Amino acid sequence: MASHNDTGRKGEQRAADYLEAQGYTIRHRNWRCGRKELDIVAEKEGRLVIVEVKTRKNADFGSPEEAVTPMKIRRIVAATDAYLRQYGIDAPVRFDVIAVTGDGTEDGSLEHIEHAFYPPLW
């Protein structure tokens, strides 16, 4: 496995561990439907929380959260729509980003950005 894939996998594990420690229930990790993907689908206090995890070894090419572009947001929203339809969920949804800097272990930083974005009006 390429080292960047390993770093991303470690970052997602760290994000999931963090969310569980904060009282979130993880419903799915790396949920896929065709080409659509959601990194983490969590739940807390009756709200579905869609979490995009971005991991970078360092900030040489920008912060991790800067990688959540408008195109990426549209893809996440489309995947969320597919998720809600597949599971027949009718609950409030929040979109968060967890930015992990470092190698994905406890040595790096983790920033949880709640309400990181809202679905665009198409």
C-alpha atoms as a PDB file:
ATOM      1  CA  MET A   1       0.000   0.000   0.000  1.00  0.00           C
ATOM      2  CA  ALA A   2       1.318   3.474  -0.857  1.00  0.00           C
ATOM      3  CA  SER A   3       2.353   5.524   2.180  1.00  0.00           C
ATOM      4  CA  HIS A   4      -0.258   8.223   1.461  1.00  0.00           C
ATOM      5  CA  ASN A   5      -2.983   5.559   1.576  1.00  0.00           C
ATOM      6  CA  ASP A   6      -1.638   4.321   4.889  1.00  0.00           C
ATOM      7  CA  THR A   7      -1.563   7.885   6.256  1.00  0.00           C
ATOM      8  CA  GLY A   8      -5.162   8.430   5.151  1.00  0.00           C
ATOM      9  CA  ARG A   9      -6.290   5.157   6.704  1.00  0.00           C
ATOM     10  CA  LYS A  10      -4.611   6.057  10.010  1.00  0.00           C
ATOM     11  CA  GLY A  11      -6.184   9.520   9.892  1.00  0.00           C
ATOM     12  CA  GLU A  12      -9.654   8.037   9.390  1.00  0.00           C
ATOM     13  CA  GLN A  13      -9.110   5.623  12.278  1.00  0.00           C
ATOM     14  CA  ARG A  14      -7.996   8.460  14.522  1.00  0.00           C
ATOM     15  CA  ALA A  15     -11.048  10.519  13.479  1.00  0.00           C
ATOM     16  CA  ALA A  16     -13.410   7.610  14.230  1.00  0.00           C
ATOM     17  CA  ASP A  17     -11.767   7.040  17.628  1.00  0.00           C
ATOM     18  CA  TYR A  18     -12.091  10.744  18.407  1.00  0.00           C
ATOM     19  CA  LEU A  19     -15.777  10.830  17.433  1.00  0.00           C
ATOM     20  CA  GLU A  20     -16.588   7.793  19.574  1.00  0.00           C
ATOM     21  CA  ALA A  21     -14.776   9.391  22.527  1.00  0.00           C
ATOM     22  CA  GLN A  22     -16.993  12.465  22.008  1.00  0.00           C
ATOM     23  CA  GLY A  23     -20.163  10.366  22.248  1.00  0.00           C
ATOM     24  CA  TYR A  24     -20.884   9.833  18.551  1.00  0.00           C
ATOM     25  CA  THR A  25     -22.119   6.478  17.289  1.00  0.00           C
ATOM     26  CA  ILE A  26     -20.382   5.402  14.084  1.00  0.00           C
ATOM     27  CA  ARG A  27     -22.966   4.032  11.649  1.00  0.00           C
ATOM     28  CA  HIS A  28     -20.652   3.437   8.692  1.00  0.00           C
ATOM     29  CA  ARG A  29     -17.069   4.006   7.605  1.00  0.00           C
ATOM     30  CA  ASN A  30     -16.122   4.328   3.947  1.00  0.00           C
ATOM     31  CA  TRP A  31     -19.742   3.794   2.870  1.00  0.00           C
ATOM     32  CA  ARG A  32     -20.038   3.379  -0.895  1.00  0.00           C
ATOM     33  CA  CYS A  33     -22.822   3.364  -3.415  1.00  0.00           C
ATOM     34  CA  GLY A  34     -21.445   3.089  -6.927  1.00  0.00           C
ATOM     35  CA  ARG A  35     -18.895   5.877  -7.230  1.00  0.00           C
ATOM     36  CA  LYS A  36     -20.281   7.770  -4.268  1.00  0.00           C
ATOM     37  CA  GLU A  37     -18.436   7.577  -0.940  1.00  0.00           C
ATOM     38  CA  LEU A  38     -18.793   8.911   2.588  1.00  0.00           C
ATOM     39  CA  ASP A  39     -15.791   8.675   4.918  1.00  0.00           C
ATOM     40  CA  ILE A  40     -17.688   8.473   8.199  1.00  0.00           C
ATOM     41  CA  VAL A  41     -21.412   8.459   8.884  1.00  0.00           C
ATOM     42  CA  ALA A  42     -22.049   9.087  12.560  1.00  0.00           C
ATOM     43  CA  GLU A  43     -25.006   9.879  14.758  1.00  0.00           C
ATOM     44  CA  LYS A  44     -25.360  11.987  17.874  1.00  0.00           C
ATOM     45  CA  GLU A  45     -28.429  13.328  19.635  1.00  0.00           C
ATOM     46  CA  GLY A  46     -30.779  12.289  16.825  1.00  0.00           C
ATOM     47  CA  ARG A  47     -28.718  14.023  14.144  1.00  0.00           C
ATOM     48  CA  LEU A  48     -26.922  12.282  11.293  1.00  0.00           C
ATOM     49  CA  VAL A  49     -23.386  13.640  10.991  1.00  0.00           C
ATOM     50  CA  ILE A  50     -21.507  13.179   7.730  1.00  0.00           C
ATOM     51  CA  VAL A  51     -17.779  13.536   8.357  1.00  0.00           C
ATOM     52  CA  GLU A  52     -15.216  14.112   5.627  1.00  0.00           C
ATOM     53  CA  VAL A  53     -11.752  13.221   6.915  1.00  0.00           C
ATOM     54  CA  LYS A  54      -8.723  14.883   5.363  1.00  0.00           C
ATOM     55  CA  THR A  55      -5.231  13.871   6.431  1.00  0.00           C
ATOM     56  CA  ARG A  56      -1.985  15.555   5.428  1.00  0.00           C
ATOM     57  CA  LYS A  57       1.530  14.759   6.625  1.00  0.00           C
ATOM     58  CA  ASN A  58       2.281  18.493   6.778  1.00  0.00           C
ATOM     59  CA  ALA A  59       0.908  21.825   5.585  1.00  0.00           C
ATOM     60  CA  ASP A  60       3.321  22.190   2.652  1.00  0.00           C
ATOM     61  CA  PHE A  61       0.444  21.985   0.187  1.00  0.00           C
ATOM     62  CA  GLY A  62      -2.191  23.695   2.334  1.00  0.00           C
ATOM     63  CA  SER A  63      -4.233  22.646   5.299  1.00  0.00           C
ATOM     64  CA  PRO A  64      -6.219  19.409   5.104  1.00  0.00           C
ATOM     65  CA  GLU A  65      -9.585  21.169   5.185  1.00  0.00           C
ATOM     66  CA  GLU A  66      -8.643  23.238   2.110  1.00  0.00           C
ATOM     67  CA  ALA A  67      -8.927  20.008   0.116  1.00  0.00           C
ATOM     68  CA  VAL A  68     -12.704  20.061   0.640  1.00  0.00           C
ATOM     69  CA  THR A  69     -13.485  21.948  -2.556  1.00  0.00           C
ATOM     70  CA  PRO A  70     -16.890  22.953  -3.918  1.00  0.00           C
ATOM     71  CA  MET A  71     -16.767  19.923  -6.256  1.00  0.00           C
ATOM     72  CA  LYS A  72     -15.992  17.627  -3.313  1.00  0.00           C
ATOM     73  CA  ILE A  73     -18.869  19.174  -1.362  1.00  0.00           C
ATOM     74  CA  ARG A  74     -21.290  18.439  -4.235  1.00  0.00           C
ATOM     75  CA  ARG A  75     -20.097  14.818  -4.284  1.00  0.00           C
ATOM     76  CA  ILE A  76     -20.515  14.445  -0.525  1.00  0.00           C
ATOM     77  CA  VAL A  77     -24.031  15.903  -0.684  1.00  0.00           C
ATOM     78  CA  ALA A  78     -24.978  13.561  -3.563  1.00  0.00           C
ATOM     79  CA  ALA A  79     -23.610  10.579  -1.629  1.00  0.00           C
ATOM     80  CA  THR A  80     -25.531  11.692   1.457  1.00  0.00           C
ATOM     81  CA  ASP A  81     -28.734  11.855  -0.559  1.00  0.00           C
ATOM     82  CA  ALA A  82     -28.119   8.279  -1.762  1.00  0.00           C
ATOM     83  CA  TYR A  83     -27.411   7.186   1.827  1.00  0.00           C
ATOM     84  CA  LEU A  84     -30.602   8.763   3.168  1.00  0.00           C
ATOM     85  CA  ARG A  85     -32.665   7.158   0.419  1.00  0.00           C
ATOM     86  CA  GLN A  86     -31.068   3.711   0.832  1.00  0.00           C
ATOM     87  CA  TYR A  87     -31.707   3.593   4.571  1.00  0.00           C
ATOM     88  CA  GLY A  88     -34.979   5.556   4.586  1.00  0.00           C
ATOM     89  CA  ILE A  89     -33.617   8.100   7.038  1.00  0.00           C
ATOM     90  CA  ASP A  90     -35.544  11.263   7.788  1.00  0.00           C
ATOM     91  CA  ALA A  91     -33.380  13.111  10.307  1.00  0.00           C
ATOM     92  CA  PRO A  92     -31.453  16.371  10.432  1.00  0.00           C
ATOM     93  CA  VAL A  93     -28.044  16.151   8.758  1.00  0.00           C
ATOM     94  CA  ARG A  94     -24.870  18.034   9.595  1.00  0.00           C
ATOM     95  CA  PHE A  95     -21.694  18.113   7.506  1.00  0.00           C
ATOM     96  CA  ASP A  96     -18.398  18.162   9.418  1.00  0.00           C
ATOM     97  CA  VAL A  97     -14.743  17.962   8.443  1.00  0.00           C
ATOM     98  CA  ILE A  98     -12.025  16.426  10.552  1.00  0.00           C
ATOM     99  CA  ALA A  99      -8.578  17.659   9.551  1.00  0.00           C
ATOM    100  CA  VAL A 100      -5.662  15.518  10.682  1.00  0.00           C
ATOM    101  CA  THR A 101      -2.115  16.788  10.239  1.00  0.00           C
ATOM    102  CA  GLY A 102       0.816  14.441  10.758  1.00  0.00           C
ATOM    103  CA  ASP A 103       1.118  10.747  10.090  1.00  0.00           C
ATOM    104  CA  GLY A 104      -2.380   9.984  11.396  1.00  0.00           C
ATOM    105  CA  THR A 105      -1.189   8.957  14.850  1.00  0.00           C
ATOM    106  CA  GLU A 106      -1.638  10.757  18.171  1.00  0.00           C
ATOM    107  CA  ASP A 107       1.543  12.761  17.449  1.00  0.00           C
ATOM    108  CA  GLY A 108      -0.212  14.950  14.880  1.00  0.00           C
ATOM    109  CA  SER A 109      -3.022  17.435  15.308  1.00  0.00           C
ATOM    110  CA  LEU A 110      -6.738  16.844  14.862  1.00  0.00           C
ATOM    111  CA  GLU A 111      -9.282  19.594  14.263  1.00  0.00           C
ATOM    112  CA  HIS A 112     -13.017  18.855  14.228  1.00  0.00           C
ATOM    113  CA  ILE A 113     -14.893  21.479  12.222  1.00  0.00           C
ATOM    114  CA  GLU A 114     -18.601  21.172  12.936  1.00  0.00           C
ATOM    115  CA  HIS A 115     -21.021  22.616  10.362  1.00  0.00           C
ATOM    116  CA  ALA A 116     -18.055  22.829   7.962  1.00  0.00           C
ATOM    117  CA  PHE A 117     -20.381  23.401   5.016  1.00  0.00           C
ATOM    118  CA  TYR A 118     -24.004  23.418   4.011  1.00  0.00           C
ATOM    119  CA  PRO A 119     -25.498  21.716   0.950  1.00  0.00           C
ATOM    120  CA  PRO A 120     -25.339  24.026  -2.046  1.00  0.00           C
ATOM    121  CA  LEU A 121     -28.562  25.197  -3.638  1.00  0.00           C
ATOM    122  CA  TRP A 122     -28.484  23.522  -7.033  1.00  0.00           C
END
